[in-house]
Protein backbone atom coordinates (compact mmCIF):
# COMPACT_ATOMS: atom_id res chain seq x y z
CA UNK A 1 -28.55 62.31 -41.80
CA UNK A 2 -26.32 64.28 -44.13
CA UNK A 3 -25.83 62.40 -47.37
CA UNK A 4 -29.19 60.59 -47.15
CA UNK A 5 -31.58 61.34 -50.00
CA UNK A 6 -35.30 60.82 -49.48
CA UNK A 7 -37.90 60.67 -52.24
CA UNK A 8 -41.09 62.02 -50.74
CA UNK A 9 -44.27 61.05 -52.61
CA UNK A 10 -46.59 61.93 -49.77
CA UNK A 11 -49.38 64.42 -49.27
CA UNK A 12 -51.49 66.06 -46.57
CA UNK A 13 -50.18 65.06 -43.08
CA UNK A 14 -48.89 61.61 -42.11
CA UNK A 15 -46.28 61.29 -44.87
CA UNK A 16 -45.19 64.93 -45.00
CA UNK A 17 -44.72 65.00 -41.21
CA UNK A 18 -42.46 61.94 -41.44
CA UNK A 19 -40.36 63.39 -44.24
CA UNK A 20 -40.18 66.79 -42.53
CA UNK A 21 -38.69 65.06 -39.50
CA UNK A 22 -36.08 63.42 -41.74
CA UNK A 23 -35.37 66.73 -43.47
CA UNK A 24 -34.92 68.54 -40.16
CA UNK A 25 -32.35 65.90 -39.21
CA UNK A 26 -30.33 66.69 -42.33
CA UNK A 27 -31.70 64.45 -45.07
CA UNK A 28 -32.08 65.79 -48.61
CA UNK A 29 -35.83 65.39 -49.07
CA UNK A 30 -37.14 65.69 -52.61
CA UNK A 31 -40.90 66.08 -52.75
CA UNK A 32 -42.25 64.63 -55.98
CA UNK A 33 -45.60 66.22 -56.83
CA UNK A 34 -48.05 65.79 -59.65
CA UNK A 35 -48.91 68.84 -61.78
CA UNK A 36 -51.64 69.88 -59.34
CA UNK A 37 -49.40 69.55 -56.29
CA UNK A 38 -49.99 68.29 -52.78
CA UNK A 39 -53.66 68.74 -51.76
CA UNK A 40 -52.44 70.47 -48.61
CA UNK A 41 -51.30 73.45 -50.71
CA UNK A 42 -54.98 74.41 -50.86
CA UNK A 43 -55.74 74.05 -47.15
CA UNK A 44 -56.60 77.28 -45.30
CA UNK A 45 -55.64 79.47 -43.55
CA UNK A 46 -53.20 81.23 -45.87
CA UNK A 47 -50.46 83.76 -45.24
CA UNK A 48 -49.24 85.68 -48.28
CA UNK A 49 -50.99 83.11 -50.46
CA UNK A 50 -49.26 80.14 -48.81
CA UNK A 51 -51.14 77.49 -46.85
CA UNK A 52 -49.86 77.49 -43.26
CA UNK A 53 -50.77 73.80 -43.06
CA UNK A 54 -48.53 73.02 -46.04
CA UNK A 55 -45.80 75.46 -45.00
CA UNK A 56 -45.40 73.80 -41.60
CA UNK A 57 -45.14 70.24 -42.90
CA UNK A 58 -42.87 70.80 -45.88
CA UNK A 59 -39.99 72.86 -44.57
CA UNK A 60 -36.47 71.98 -45.72
CA UNK A 61 -37.64 70.09 -48.81
CA UNK A 62 -37.14 70.49 -52.55
CA UNK A 63 -40.12 70.16 -54.91
CA UNK A 64 -40.03 68.37 -58.24
CA UNK A 65 -43.10 68.40 -60.48
CA UNK A 66 -43.56 65.30 -62.64
CA UNK A 67 -46.49 64.00 -64.65
CA UNK A 68 -46.40 60.37 -63.59
CA UNK A 69 -49.16 59.49 -66.04
CA UNK A 70 -46.53 59.73 -68.78
CA UNK A 71 -43.73 57.29 -69.45
CA UNK A 72 -41.15 60.08 -69.33
CA UNK A 73 -42.39 61.14 -65.91
CA UNK A 74 -42.18 57.58 -64.58
CA UNK A 75 -38.68 57.17 -65.97
CA UNK A 76 -37.56 60.38 -64.25
CA UNK A 77 -39.01 59.10 -60.98
CA UNK A 78 -37.18 55.80 -61.39
CA UNK A 79 -33.90 57.60 -62.06
CA UNK A 80 -34.43 59.62 -58.91
CA UNK A 81 -35.14 56.48 -56.89
CA UNK A 82 -31.98 54.89 -58.26
CA UNK A 83 -29.92 57.68 -56.65
CA UNK A 84 -31.80 57.74 -53.35
CA UNK A 85 -31.71 56.02 -49.98
CA UNK A 86 -35.33 56.25 -48.85
CA UNK A 87 -38.71 56.29 -50.59
CA UNK A 88 -41.80 57.32 -48.59
CA UNK A 89 -45.35 57.36 -49.96
CA UNK A 90 -48.89 57.52 -48.58
CA UNK A 91 -50.88 56.96 -51.74
CA UNK A 92 -53.77 54.53 -51.92
CA UNK A 93 -52.58 50.91 -51.86
CA UNK A 94 -51.93 49.76 -55.43
CA UNK A 95 -51.06 53.18 -56.86
CA UNK A 96 -47.31 52.79 -56.50
CA UNK A 97 -47.49 49.47 -58.34
CA UNK A 98 -49.04 51.28 -61.31
CA UNK A 99 -46.15 53.74 -61.21
CA UNK A 100 -43.64 50.93 -61.61
CA UNK A 101 -42.70 51.10 -57.92
CA UNK A 102 -43.84 47.72 -56.63
CA UNK A 103 -41.55 45.89 -54.21
CA UNK A 104 -40.08 43.92 -57.12
CA UNK A 105 -39.65 47.07 -59.23
CA UNK A 106 -37.88 48.90 -56.42
CA UNK A 107 -35.47 46.01 -55.83
CA UNK A 108 -34.59 46.16 -59.52
CA UNK A 109 -34.27 49.95 -59.58
CA UNK A 110 -32.23 50.22 -56.37
CA UNK A 111 -31.63 47.17 -54.14
CA UNK A 112 -30.40 49.38 -51.30
CA UNK A 113 -33.48 51.61 -51.27
CA UNK A 114 -35.48 51.77 -48.03
CA UNK A 115 -39.17 52.00 -48.95
CA UNK A 116 -42.05 52.87 -46.64
CA UNK A 117 -45.80 53.17 -47.17
CA UNK A 118 -48.25 54.85 -44.82
CA UNK A 119 -51.95 54.14 -45.20
CA UNK A 120 -55.05 53.90 -43.09
CA UNK A 121 -55.20 50.11 -42.94
CA UNK A 122 -52.03 48.75 -44.51
CA UNK A 123 -51.14 47.53 -47.98
CA UNK A 124 -52.88 44.15 -47.65
CA UNK A 125 -55.87 42.74 -45.82
CA UNK A 126 -59.62 43.13 -45.97
CA UNK A 127 -59.56 46.84 -45.05
CA UNK A 128 -56.68 47.95 -47.24
CA UNK A 129 -58.91 49.32 -50.01
CA UNK A 130 -60.81 51.65 -47.66
CA UNK A 131 -60.05 55.40 -47.55
CA UNK A 132 -59.16 56.82 -44.17
CA UNK A 133 -58.69 60.11 -42.41
CA UNK A 134 -57.54 60.72 -38.87
CA UNK A 135 -61.04 60.87 -37.39
CA UNK A 136 -61.97 57.54 -39.04
CA UNK A 137 -58.89 55.83 -37.60
CA UNK A 138 -59.46 57.35 -34.17
CA UNK A 139 -62.99 55.93 -34.23
CA UNK A 140 -62.06 52.49 -35.58
CA UNK A 141 -59.08 52.01 -33.27
CA UNK A 142 -61.01 52.71 -30.06
CA UNK A 143 -59.09 55.92 -29.38
CA UNK A 144 -62.25 58.03 -29.37
CA UNK A 145 -63.99 55.63 -26.98
CA UNK A 146 -61.64 56.53 -24.11
CA UNK A 147 -61.48 60.26 -24.84
CA UNK A 148 -64.11 62.73 -23.69
CA UNK A 149 -65.79 64.05 -20.59
CA UNK A 150 -66.44 61.66 -17.71
CA UNK A 151 -69.20 59.27 -18.77
CA UNK A 152 -69.72 61.49 -21.84
CA UNK A 153 -69.71 60.89 -25.56
CA UNK A 154 -66.58 59.65 -27.37
CA UNK A 155 -64.53 62.58 -28.62
CA UNK A 156 -61.79 62.97 -31.20
CA UNK A 157 -58.40 63.79 -29.69
CA UNK A 158 -57.76 67.49 -30.33
CA UNK A 159 -54.92 66.97 -32.81
CA UNK A 160 -54.43 64.46 -35.60
CA UNK A 161 -52.93 61.77 -33.40
CA UNK A 162 -53.68 59.07 -36.00
CA UNK A 163 -51.56 60.78 -38.63
CA UNK A 164 -48.80 61.94 -36.30
CA UNK A 165 -48.37 58.55 -34.61
CA UNK A 166 -48.09 56.83 -38.00
CA UNK A 167 -45.50 59.41 -39.07
CA UNK A 168 -43.43 58.81 -35.94
CA UNK A 169 -43.50 55.02 -36.26
CA UNK A 170 -42.57 55.31 -39.93
CA UNK A 171 -39.63 57.55 -39.09
CA UNK A 172 -38.41 55.08 -36.47
CA UNK A 173 -38.75 52.22 -38.95
CA UNK A 174 -36.81 54.09 -41.63
CA UNK A 175 -33.97 54.88 -39.22
CA UNK A 176 -33.83 51.25 -38.11
CA UNK A 177 -33.63 50.01 -41.69
CA UNK A 178 -30.96 52.56 -42.58
CA UNK A 179 -28.95 51.30 -39.62
CA UNK A 180 -29.35 47.69 -40.71
CA UNK A 181 -28.34 48.58 -44.24
CA UNK A 182 -25.30 50.69 -43.42
CA UNK A 183 -24.04 49.48 -40.05
CA UNK A 184 -24.82 45.81 -40.57
CA UNK A 185 -24.11 45.78 -44.29
CA UNK A 186 -27.45 44.28 -45.32
CA UNK A 187 -28.01 44.52 -49.06
CA UNK A 188 -31.81 44.34 -48.90
CA UNK A 189 -34.45 45.48 -46.45
CA UNK A 190 -38.13 44.66 -46.28
CA UNK A 191 -40.71 47.19 -47.37
CA UNK A 192 -42.08 49.09 -44.36
CA UNK A 193 -45.88 48.87 -44.28
CA UNK A 194 -47.33 51.23 -41.67
CA UNK A 195 -51.05 51.40 -40.99
CA UNK A 196 -52.52 54.27 -39.02
CA UNK A 197 -54.93 51.82 -37.39
CA UNK A 198 -52.17 49.60 -35.96
CA UNK A 199 -50.28 52.65 -34.70
CA UNK A 200 -53.35 53.79 -32.77
CA UNK A 201 -53.70 50.38 -31.17
CA UNK A 202 -50.19 50.50 -29.76
CA UNK A 203 -50.81 54.05 -28.51
CA UNK A 204 -53.73 52.56 -26.56
CA UNK A 205 -51.37 50.12 -24.82
CA UNK A 206 -52.67 50.67 -21.26
CA UNK A 207 -56.30 50.53 -22.29
CA UNK A 208 -55.76 47.21 -24.06
CA UNK A 209 -53.61 45.87 -21.21
CA UNK A 210 -56.44 46.47 -18.76
CA UNK A 211 -59.05 44.82 -20.95
CA UNK A 212 -56.98 41.87 -22.19
CA UNK A 213 -55.74 40.96 -18.72
CA UNK A 214 -58.38 42.20 -16.30
CA UNK A 215 -61.52 42.46 -18.41
CA UNK A 216 -61.82 46.20 -17.78
CA UNK A 217 -63.49 48.10 -20.64
CA UNK A 218 -62.17 51.69 -20.47
CA UNK A 219 -64.45 54.62 -21.25
CA UNK A 220 -64.20 58.40 -21.27
CA UNK A 221 -63.00 59.77 -17.94
CA UNK A 222 -62.20 63.37 -18.85
CA UNK A 223 -58.78 64.42 -17.62
CA UNK A 224 -58.62 61.78 -14.91
CA UNK A 225 -56.06 58.99 -14.84
CA UNK A 226 -57.49 55.45 -14.83
CA UNK A 227 -55.14 54.19 -12.11
CA UNK A 228 -54.05 57.17 -9.99
CA UNK A 229 -55.52 60.10 -8.10
CA UNK A 230 -55.11 63.01 -7.50
CA UNK A 231 -54.30 63.21 -11.21
CA UNK A 232 -56.55 65.78 -12.87
CA UNK A 233 -57.55 69.48 -12.90
CA UNK A 234 -58.72 71.16 -9.71
CA UNK A 235 -60.25 74.62 -9.17
CA UNK A 236 -58.41 77.37 -7.30
CA UNK A 237 -59.43 80.92 -6.40
CA UNK A 238 -58.79 82.09 -9.97
CA UNK A 239 -58.22 79.24 -12.46
CA UNK A 240 -57.84 75.49 -12.67
CA UNK A 241 -54.53 73.79 -12.03
CA UNK A 242 -53.52 70.23 -12.84
CA UNK A 243 -52.02 68.05 -10.12
CA UNK A 244 -50.47 64.65 -10.81
CA UNK A 245 -49.34 62.22 -8.11
CA UNK A 246 -47.32 59.37 -9.56
CA UNK A 247 -47.51 56.94 -6.65
CA UNK A 248 -48.73 56.41 -3.10
CA UNK A 249 -45.44 57.66 -1.66
CA UNK A 250 -46.28 61.17 -2.91
CA UNK A 251 -49.54 61.34 -0.95
CA UNK A 252 -48.15 62.34 2.49
CA UNK A 253 -45.88 64.98 1.00
CA UNK A 254 -48.77 66.37 -1.03
CA UNK A 255 -51.08 66.64 2.00
CA UNK A 256 -48.39 68.36 4.03
CA UNK A 257 -47.56 70.75 1.17
CA UNK A 258 -51.15 71.98 0.83
CA UNK A 259 -51.66 72.20 4.60
CA UNK A 260 -54.33 69.51 4.69
CA UNK A 261 -52.76 66.80 6.84
CA UNK A 262 -56.19 65.72 8.10
CA UNK A 263 -56.54 63.79 4.85
CA UNK A 264 -53.81 61.42 6.03
CA UNK A 265 -56.10 60.10 8.76
CA UNK A 266 -59.17 59.73 6.56
CA UNK A 267 -59.63 56.00 5.83
CA UNK A 268 -61.28 56.81 2.48
CA UNK A 269 -57.99 58.13 1.16
CA UNK A 270 -55.40 55.75 2.59
CA UNK A 271 -53.75 53.98 -0.35
CA UNK A 272 -54.11 54.25 -4.12
CA UNK A 273 -57.04 51.84 -4.35
CA UNK A 274 -59.00 53.56 -1.59
CA UNK A 275 -58.51 56.97 -3.19
CA UNK A 276 -59.64 55.63 -6.56
CA UNK A 277 -62.75 54.08 -5.00
CA UNK A 278 -63.56 57.40 -3.30
CA UNK A 279 -62.35 59.71 -6.05
CA UNK A 280 -65.51 61.84 -6.21
CA UNK A 281 -65.33 62.55 -2.47
CA UNK A 282 -61.64 63.37 -2.72
CA UNK A 283 -62.27 65.74 -5.63
CA UNK A 284 -64.90 67.55 -3.60
CA UNK A 285 -62.78 68.10 -0.48
CA UNK A 286 -59.65 69.01 -2.46
CA UNK A 287 -61.61 71.40 -4.67
CA UNK A 288 -62.98 73.29 -1.68
CA UNK A 289 -59.58 73.45 -0.02
CA UNK A 290 -57.72 74.66 -3.10
CA UNK A 291 -60.22 77.47 -3.68
CA UNK A 292 -58.70 79.25 -0.68
CA UNK A 293 -55.74 80.53 -2.72
CA UNK A 294 -55.03 81.48 -6.37
CA UNK A 295 -53.29 79.19 -8.84
CA UNK A 296 -49.90 80.94 -8.57
CA UNK A 297 -49.81 80.27 -4.83
CA UNK A 298 -50.62 76.59 -5.21
CA UNK A 299 -48.33 75.88 -8.15
CA UNK A 300 -45.37 77.49 -6.41
CA UNK A 301 -46.14 75.60 -3.20
CA UNK A 302 -46.40 72.29 -5.01
CA UNK A 303 -43.29 72.90 -7.10
CA UNK A 304 -41.35 73.71 -3.93
CA UNK A 305 -42.40 70.29 -2.64
CA UNK A 306 -41.61 68.38 -5.85
CA UNK A 307 -45.27 67.70 -6.68
CA UNK A 308 -45.96 67.74 -10.47
CA UNK A 309 -48.44 70.49 -11.31
CA UNK A 310 -49.30 73.23 -13.80
CA UNK A 311 -51.89 75.81 -14.68
CA UNK A 312 -53.83 74.86 -17.81
CA UNK A 313 -52.02 76.75 -20.56
CA UNK A 314 -53.34 77.47 -24.04
CA UNK A 315 -51.65 77.83 -27.41
CA UNK A 316 -51.32 81.60 -27.13
CA UNK A 317 -49.90 81.57 -23.60
CA UNK A 318 -47.32 78.97 -24.57
CA UNK A 319 -46.31 80.75 -27.78
CA UNK A 320 -45.79 83.98 -25.83
CA UNK A 321 -44.03 82.33 -22.90
CA UNK A 322 -40.30 82.78 -22.15
CA UNK A 323 -40.23 79.03 -21.48
CA UNK A 324 -40.96 78.38 -25.17
CA UNK A 325 -37.95 80.49 -26.08
CA UNK A 326 -35.77 78.79 -23.48
CA UNK A 327 -36.62 75.36 -24.87
CA UNK A 328 -36.44 76.53 -28.49
CA UNK A 329 -39.99 75.37 -29.12
CA UNK A 330 -40.29 77.17 -32.44
CA UNK A 331 -38.16 77.80 -35.49
CA UNK A 332 -38.21 80.89 -37.65
CA UNK A 333 -38.34 80.37 -41.41
CA UNK A 334 -37.52 83.21 -43.77
CA UNK A 335 -40.08 83.27 -46.57
CA UNK A 336 -38.92 86.07 -48.86
CA UNK A 337 -36.20 88.48 -49.87
CA UNK A 338 -37.72 91.19 -47.68
CA UNK A 339 -36.81 89.21 -44.58
CA UNK A 340 -40.33 88.18 -43.66
CA UNK A 341 -40.51 85.07 -41.54
CA UNK A 342 -42.97 82.44 -40.40
CA UNK A 343 -42.70 80.54 -37.13
CA UNK A 344 -43.47 76.86 -36.68
CA UNK A 345 -43.00 74.13 -34.10
CA UNK A 346 -39.42 72.84 -34.11
CA UNK A 347 -38.35 69.21 -34.23
CA UNK A 348 -37.17 68.82 -30.61
CA UNK A 349 -34.33 66.45 -31.55
CA UNK A 350 -33.02 68.57 -34.42
CA UNK A 351 -30.08 70.94 -33.82
CA UNK A 352 -31.20 74.06 -32.02
CA UNK A 353 -29.33 76.28 -34.45
CA UNK A 354 -30.86 74.65 -37.53
CA UNK A 355 -31.91 77.32 -40.04
CA UNK A 356 -34.93 75.79 -41.76
CA UNK A 357 -35.80 76.64 -45.33
CA UNK A 358 -39.40 77.45 -46.33
CA UNK A 359 -41.71 74.95 -47.94
CA UNK A 360 -40.98 74.92 -51.68
CA UNK A 361 -43.16 76.32 -54.40
CA UNK A 362 -44.69 73.65 -56.61
CA UNK A 363 -41.93 72.34 -58.90
CA UNK A 364 -39.44 74.93 -57.65
CA UNK A 365 -36.48 72.54 -57.89
CA UNK A 366 -37.50 70.45 -60.89
CA UNK A 367 -34.74 71.68 -63.19
CA UNK A 368 -32.13 71.53 -60.43
CA UNK A 369 -32.90 67.94 -59.46
CA UNK A 370 -33.24 66.69 -63.05
CA UNK A 371 -29.82 68.19 -63.80
CA UNK A 372 -28.42 66.28 -60.82
CA UNK A 373 -29.81 63.11 -62.38
CA UNK A 374 -27.85 63.81 -65.57
CA UNK A 375 -30.63 65.16 -67.75
CA UNK A 376 -29.42 67.45 -70.51
CA UNK A 377 -30.93 70.92 -70.80
CA UNK A 378 -33.13 70.04 -73.79
CA UNK A 379 -34.45 66.93 -72.05
CA UNK A 380 -35.30 69.02 -68.99
CA UNK A 381 -37.08 71.49 -71.25
CA UNK A 382 -39.11 68.68 -72.78
CA UNK A 383 -40.13 67.29 -69.38
CA UNK A 384 -41.09 70.67 -67.94
CA UNK A 385 -43.02 71.74 -71.03
CA UNK A 386 -44.89 68.46 -70.87
CA UNK A 387 -46.37 69.36 -67.50
CA UNK A 388 -46.59 73.15 -67.71
């Protein structure tokens, strides 16, 4: 994405994650912040006075500080938009209109600009005025209703899936519109309106497919799969392992691999539907059998027989694993002249040798970017004094 300039007027998670993805793919992302900065700058924990939350989401960006309550600040924003390819924001619906960035304004400022808005419930509609955070969207979408222990209470997914999913769909939409603009020669593109709620619904595709077509109302089932078994954690002599059979054809090979061929003759377990109907009984007999050996024995046995499996890793074990290094799971970001570095998750589709730059200090690149827009030194002084 070299040569693509992105104006980033986002904060906290959904928007910054989207624009970080674009930045890691080579876009010049300019983060426009108000005098107080992105709220995430104040989110703990901190390392050397820098929020790790903010530092992770804002790598590879430049920060410009503008007071958009002033006419001069709005004019500087509009000049920046006129030189850019993409505009991403996740402000409350209606705020960008007050900044002179409505759909009509943006077409006048830059007809070729791709604009995208991320919000909880979209820019229009009866819910659009409501504030939203990830947990609210998980609850309203139905996501929480299928997550949790078997027959237990609804539980929030353990990461901000509402924000991240919206960021991913926004990124896809931006790339599609850039393609239409540049490869197809389209002079205008429609504003991209992404709601976190709608993104959660599509992530629940299988749950909705089962209800809409078979009347099945899904509920929490722990780590089980709704349509296949064995497909969950099982105890061994030392720790749980996860086993996942993708289809009925794997069943004979699985039974032979674990030395339990008697299961093949048990009518309760012959066929996917029979195993699902007798899942509790199957869990009991498998659990007792697998306790005969430790997890390393079983995982190696299953891997040797092409049966998907794993021990249940945690964040620390993954971060310290040679596999993480092999797959370049993390990037190292130098944060100061003394060579100190922070490590963060890497965009898996970015170049492996990408050297990421640290998240910018608030307004760190204001003078630099304003100079690129043609502002004279005294005009830059006036703008920066205005917001100091």
